Protein backbone atom coordinates (compact mmCIF):
# COMPACT_ATOMS: atom_id res chain seq x y z
CA MET A 1 197.52 160.06 230.14
CA SER A 2 196.24 157.71 227.55
CA ARG A 3 192.67 158.18 225.75
CA ALA A 4 192.02 154.44 226.98
CA SER A 5 192.39 155.48 230.17
CA ASP A 6 190.47 158.93 230.06
CA ALA A 7 187.84 156.87 228.99
CA ALA A 8 187.85 154.87 232.11
CA THR A 9 187.52 157.73 233.78
CA GLY A 10 184.73 159.23 231.91
CA GLN A 11 186.05 162.73 231.79
CA GLY A 12 188.51 162.71 228.69
CA SER A 13 191.51 165.35 228.45
CA PRO A 14 190.45 168.51 227.42
CA PRO A 15 193.25 170.80 226.98
CA ALA A 16 194.45 172.74 229.57
CA GLU A 17 195.01 176.01 227.52
CA ARG A 18 191.24 175.73 227.17
CA ALA A 19 190.75 176.75 230.98
CA ARG A 20 193.71 179.23 231.03
CA THR A 21 192.29 181.23 227.57
CA GLY A 22 188.84 180.96 229.31
CA THR A 23 187.29 179.73 226.49
CA ALA A 24 183.51 178.07 227.39
CA VAL A 25 183.59 174.14 227.93
CA ARG A 26 180.52 172.81 225.52
CA VAL A 27 178.04 171.02 226.40
CA LEU A 28 175.46 168.78 224.96
CA VAL A 29 172.62 168.59 227.01
CA VAL A 30 170.49 165.24 226.08
CA ASP A 31 167.07 165.11 227.42
CA ASP A 32 163.85 163.59 226.49
CA ASP A 33 161.76 165.98 227.89
CA PRO A 34 161.82 169.27 226.05
CA LEU A 35 161.13 171.58 229.24
CA THR A 36 163.81 170.10 230.88
CA ALA A 37 166.24 169.91 228.73
CA ALA A 38 165.95 173.99 228.08
CA ALA A 39 166.10 174.29 231.57
CA HIS A 40 169.26 172.26 232.02
CA VAL A 41 170.60 174.41 229.06
CA ALA A 42 169.70 177.30 231.10
CA MET A 43 171.24 176.22 233.81
CA VAL A 44 174.32 175.34 232.13
CA ASN A 45 174.68 178.85 230.48
CA ARG A 46 174.42 180.47 234.35
CA VAL A 47 177.78 178.93 235.01
CA ASP A 48 180.90 180.71 233.62
CA GLY A 49 183.10 178.90 231.86
CA PHE A 50 180.17 176.75 230.24
CA HIS A 51 178.28 177.04 227.18
CA ALA A 52 175.40 174.71 226.05
CA GLY A 53 173.59 175.07 222.52
CA GLU A 54 170.54 173.59 221.46
CA PRO A 55 169.82 170.04 223.46
CA VAL A 56 168.84 166.58 221.60
CA HIS A 57 165.76 164.51 222.27
CA SER A 58 167.14 160.87 221.87
CA ALA A 59 169.57 158.77 221.98
CA GLY A 60 170.30 158.68 218.06
CA ALA A 61 170.34 162.65 217.93
CA ALA A 62 172.93 162.49 220.58
CA LEU A 63 175.68 160.13 218.69
CA ALA A 64 175.00 161.98 216.15
CA ALA A 65 175.65 165.48 217.23
CA LEU A 66 178.70 163.94 218.65
CA ARG A 67 180.19 162.60 215.53
CA ALA A 68 179.03 166.02 213.28
CA THR A 69 181.43 167.91 215.30
CA ARG A 70 184.84 168.02 215.17
CA GLY A 71 188.00 170.31 216.97
CA ALA A 72 186.87 173.31 218.98
CA GLU A 73 183.22 172.90 218.21
CA ARG A 74 182.60 169.76 219.61
CA PRO A 75 181.23 169.31 222.89
CA ARG A 76 183.38 168.12 225.85
CA LEU A 77 181.10 166.89 228.32
CA VAL A 78 177.60 165.74 228.05
CA LEU A 79 174.59 166.18 230.29
CA LEU A 80 172.73 162.60 229.55
CA ASP A 81 169.35 161.65 230.74
CA LEU A 82 169.12 157.60 230.58
CA THR A 83 165.44 157.44 229.97
CA LEU A 84 165.20 158.09 226.15
CA PRO A 85 162.37 157.19 223.13
CA ASP A 86 164.99 155.17 221.26
CA ALA A 87 167.60 154.10 223.72
CA THR A 88 168.89 154.33 227.00
CA GLY A 89 171.64 156.78 228.37
CA LEU A 90 173.60 153.83 229.03
CA ASP A 91 173.10 152.81 225.40
CA VAL A 92 174.39 156.00 224.51
CA ALA A 93 177.43 155.79 226.88
CA ARG A 94 178.01 152.61 225.68
CA ALA A 95 178.61 153.27 222.14
CA LEU A 96 180.53 155.88 222.54
CA ARG A 97 183.16 154.05 225.13
CA GLY A 98 183.18 151.32 221.99
CA ALA A 99 183.98 153.75 219.91
CA GLY A 100 187.40 155.10 222.18
CA ASP A 101 185.15 158.27 222.43
CA ASP A 102 186.35 159.99 225.99
CA VAL A 103 183.64 162.86 226.41
CA ALA A 104 182.63 163.66 229.89
CA ILE A 105 179.67 162.32 230.62
CA ILE A 106 177.33 163.42 233.67
CA ALA A 107 174.07 161.42 234.15
CA VAL A 108 171.15 163.71 234.81
CA THR A 109 168.22 161.34 235.56
CA ALA A 110 165.10 160.04 237.38
CA VAL A 111 166.45 156.73 237.52
CA ARG A 112 167.06 155.48 240.92
CA ASP A 113 168.10 151.96 240.19
CA ALA A 114 171.27 150.54 241.93
CA ALA A 115 172.41 148.36 239.00
CA ALA A 116 171.72 151.90 236.64
CA VAL A 117 174.44 153.44 239.10
CA ARG A 118 176.88 150.80 239.06
CA GLN A 119 176.58 150.37 235.36
CA ALA A 120 177.24 154.03 234.90
CA ILE A 121 180.01 153.85 237.03
CA ALA A 122 181.83 151.34 234.53
CA LEU A 123 181.46 152.96 231.56
CA GLY A 124 183.04 156.15 233.11
CA VAL A 125 179.76 158.24 233.63
CA GLY A 126 181.47 160.83 236.09
CA HIS A 127 178.84 161.97 237.96
CA TYR A 128 175.10 160.72 238.88
CA LEU A 129 172.32 163.49 239.38
CA ILE A 130 169.37 162.38 240.39
CA LYS A 131 166.34 164.85 239.41
CA PRO A 132 164.95 166.76 240.15
CA PHE A 133 168.31 169.10 241.24
CA GLY A 134 168.65 172.34 241.61
CA PHE A 135 171.31 174.95 240.09
CA ALA A 136 173.72 174.73 242.87
CA ALA A 137 174.05 170.52 242.22
CA LEU A 138 174.28 170.88 238.89
CA ARG A 139 177.04 173.69 239.25
CA GLU A 140 178.99 171.85 241.81
CA ARG A 141 179.60 168.97 239.21
CA LEU A 142 180.24 171.31 236.57
CA LEU A 143 183.09 172.85 238.68
CA ALA A 144 184.29 170.02 239.72
CA TYR A 145 184.83 169.25 236.24
CA ARG A 146 186.27 172.03 235.52
CA ASP A 147 188.75 171.74 238.09
CA TYR A 148 189.52 168.43 237.10
CA ALA A 149 190.17 169.54 233.52
CA GLU A 150 192.45 172.03 234.80
CA ARG A 151 194.48 169.48 236.61
CA SER A 152 194.71 167.06 233.70
CA LEU A 153 198.04 165.50 233.54
CA PRO A 154 200.55 167.03 230.76
CA GLU A 155 202.65 164.25 230.90
CA ALA A 156 203.29 160.50 229.98
CA ARG A 157 204.70 159.50 232.91
CA THR A 158 202.98 161.44 236.07
CA ASP A 159 203.64 160.94 240.17
CA GLN A 160 200.79 159.87 242.72
CA SER A 161 200.52 163.38 243.79
CA SER A 162 199.30 164.32 240.47
CA VAL A 163 196.98 161.62 240.03
CA ASP A 164 195.60 161.68 243.64
CA ALA A 165 195.02 165.79 243.02
CA ALA A 166 193.02 164.95 239.93
CA PHE A 167 190.72 162.29 241.05
CA ALA A 168 190.34 164.40 244.11
CA ALA A 169 189.20 167.36 242.25
CA LEU A 170 186.53 165.42 240.14
CA HIS A 171 185.20 163.26 243.00
CA ARG A 172 185.30 166.17 245.38
CA PRO A 173 182.23 165.25 248.10
CA ALA A 174 179.00 167.55 247.46
CA ARG A 175 178.24 169.76 249.94
CA THR A 176 174.73 170.03 249.68
CA ALA A 177 172.11 167.43 250.74
CA PRO A 178 168.24 167.34 251.38
CA PRO A 179 167.27 167.68 254.62
CA LYS A 180 166.53 164.71 256.36
CA GLY A 181 162.49 163.82 255.87
CA LEU A 182 161.85 165.22 252.50
CA SER A 183 160.58 162.27 250.13
CA GLY A 184 162.32 161.91 246.66
CA ASP A 185 159.18 161.09 245.00
CA THR A 186 157.42 163.89 246.59
CA LEU A 187 159.97 166.24 245.55
CA ASP A 188 159.99 165.50 242.09
CA ALA A 189 156.32 166.11 241.95
CA ALA A 190 156.76 169.54 243.46
CA ALA A 191 159.38 170.31 241.25
CA ARG A 192 157.00 169.04 238.11
CA ALA A 193 154.50 170.75 239.43
CA LEU A 194 156.09 174.20 239.46
CA ARG A 195 158.03 173.40 236.08
CA ARG A 196 154.26 172.87 234.52
CA ALA A 197 152.96 176.39 235.92
CA GLY A 198 155.58 177.70 233.54
CA ALA A 199 155.68 181.37 234.83
CA GLU A 200 152.59 181.31 237.31
CA PRO A 201 153.81 181.09 240.69
CA ARG A 202 152.01 178.91 242.90
CA SER A 203 151.12 178.85 246.74
CA ALA A 204 152.13 176.61 249.35
CA ALA A 205 148.61 175.84 249.48
CA ALA A 206 147.77 175.46 246.16
CA LEU A 207 150.59 172.82 245.77
CA ALA A 208 149.28 170.91 249.00
CA ALA A 209 145.99 170.50 247.46
CA GLU A 210 147.49 169.23 244.04
CA LEU A 211 149.99 166.70 245.95
CA GLY A 212 147.94 165.62 248.75
CA VAL A 213 149.98 166.96 251.88
CA SER A 214 149.39 169.42 254.21
CA ARG A 215 150.37 173.10 253.64
CA VAL A 216 153.40 172.92 256.04
CA THR A 217 154.51 170.18 254.25
CA ALA A 218 154.05 171.30 250.94
CA ARG A 219 156.14 174.63 251.95
CA ARG A 220 158.93 172.59 253.10
CA TYR A 221 159.37 170.94 250.09
CA LEU A 222 159.11 174.56 247.98
CA GLU A 223 161.44 176.52 250.19
CA HIS A 224 164.27 173.11 249.55
CA LEU A 225 163.53 174.34 246.09
CA VAL A 226 164.30 177.57 246.76
CA ASP A 227 167.66 176.66 248.48
CA THR A 228 169.03 174.25 245.58
CA GLY A 229 168.06 177.66 243.33
CA ALA A 230 165.30 175.54 241.43
CA ALA A 231 162.83 177.84 242.24
CA VAL A 232 162.41 181.47 243.47
CA ARG A 233 160.12 182.97 246.13
CA ARG A 234 158.22 186.16 246.10
CA SER A 235 155.78 187.94 248.03
CA ARG A 236 152.47 188.97 246.36
CA HIS A 237 150.80 192.23 247.49
CA GLY A 238 146.96 193.80 246.91
CA ALA A 239 145.35 191.50 248.69
CA PRO A 240 143.78 192.18 252.19
CA GLY A 241 145.89 190.91 255.10
CA ARG A 242 149.81 189.68 255.20
CA PRO A 243 151.72 189.58 251.93
CA LEU A 244 150.83 185.97 250.43
CA LEU A 245 154.05 183.88 249.71
CA GLU A 246 154.11 182.26 246.32
CA TYR A 247 156.68 179.85 243.88
CA ALA A 248 157.91 179.99 240.45
CA ALA A 249 160.22 177.36 238.70
CA VAL A 250 163.55 178.71 237.84
CA ASP A 251 164.36 176.72 234.76
CA THR A 252 163.33 178.00 231.96
CA ALA A 253 164.79 180.48 229.99
CA ASP A 254 164.05 183.71 231.80
CA ILE A 255 166.14 182.36 234.58
CA ASP A 256 167.85 185.42 235.06
CA ALA A 257 164.80 187.43 235.00
CA HIS A 258 163.85 185.24 237.56
CA ALA A 259 166.71 185.51 239.71
CA ASP A 260 166.54 189.65 239.17
CA ALA A 261 163.31 189.30 240.98
CA LEU A 262 164.51 187.61 243.63
CA ARG A 263 166.88 189.70 244.94
CA THR A 264 164.56 192.94 244.29
CA ASP A 265 161.82 190.92 246.56
CA ALA A 266 164.60 190.20 248.90
CA ASP A 267 165.58 193.43 249.87
CA THR A 268 162.01 194.98 250.15
CA ASP A 269 160.08 192.37 251.37
CA THR A 270 162.39 190.69 253.72
CA ASP A 271 160.45 191.87 256.88
CA ALA A 272 157.14 190.95 255.21
CA ASP A 273 158.29 187.39 254.32
CA ALA A 274 159.57 186.48 257.67
CA ASP A 275 155.94 187.44 258.95
CA ALA A 276 153.76 185.84 256.54
CA SER A 277 155.98 182.59 257.38
CA THR A 278 155.89 183.08 260.92
CA THR A 279 152.13 183.58 260.84
CA ALA A 280 151.51 180.34 258.65
CA HIS A 281 154.03 177.78 260.94
CA THR A 282 152.22 179.29 264.34
CA HIS A 283 148.34 178.57 262.65
CA ALA A 284 146.59 175.97 264.68
CA GLY A 285 145.49 174.04 261.38
CA ASP A 286 148.97 174.15 259.87
CA THR A 287 150.73 173.07 263.05
CA ALA A 288 148.27 170.03 263.49
CA ALA A 289 148.97 169.02 259.97
CA SER A 290 152.80 169.45 259.93
CA THR A 291 153.57 166.02 261.59
CA ASP A 292 151.42 164.47 257.87
CA ALA A 293 153.99 162.47 256.46
CA PRO A 294 153.92 163.23 252.84
CA THR A 295 152.13 161.02 250.75
CA ARG A 296 153.11 159.92 246.83
């Protein structure tokens, strides 16, 4: 496959030897928000076969980082935010393609505009992830890229079945989707609230007060963040009555510690969590409030 053809797909031609030897695919994370950038770096580094170093926070820094590295040290994949202080992520992609750079790009952005999506596709962006997203969603796209890289067409001439296999590996259907009835804006607000809280866990009641929704509604969003790997759930003991369920973001550098704690809690508190959840859902006030629509 030619360099120009690879640029059209946005995925480049990583050497097959890279996948066979287990050498990590280097990833450049570009995001204007330092906390979000650090979260994405931590997520990438949880996936076997991928490595993200220090992130950058502007279009200029992204282009400079790519121009400054060569060979095995050069990133083969860019996680690119579209909202940057000095230009858009689409401008970065346009500059790269104009220079004949076939580095792979995954857009990670809160931009939901259909025109932006169409431009991203035209510029060879391989995937488009709308924030907030969990670890599982990002991992799936990274593995799809790796599958594509392993299927890179080695010969100048190929056949239709090989071409179909390469495209199928890159664009395999996503296996996860938010449950019906969840608002994207409210989900984004819930994720931001957990990130702002940092290491301090939040209860459904506290999040409900902050977002202006019922406690049951807040718990639905928190549980979805847990299901997608963006948050962890814990039980806090010590207060009278049943254990209190609390949630913390899994988007900082201590992701592994959070995950270990979650596994420990799951082993010791399964019954208590189930009782607490059942009690919350049968509470008369929450039952009435559960029909409330989320507010923005």
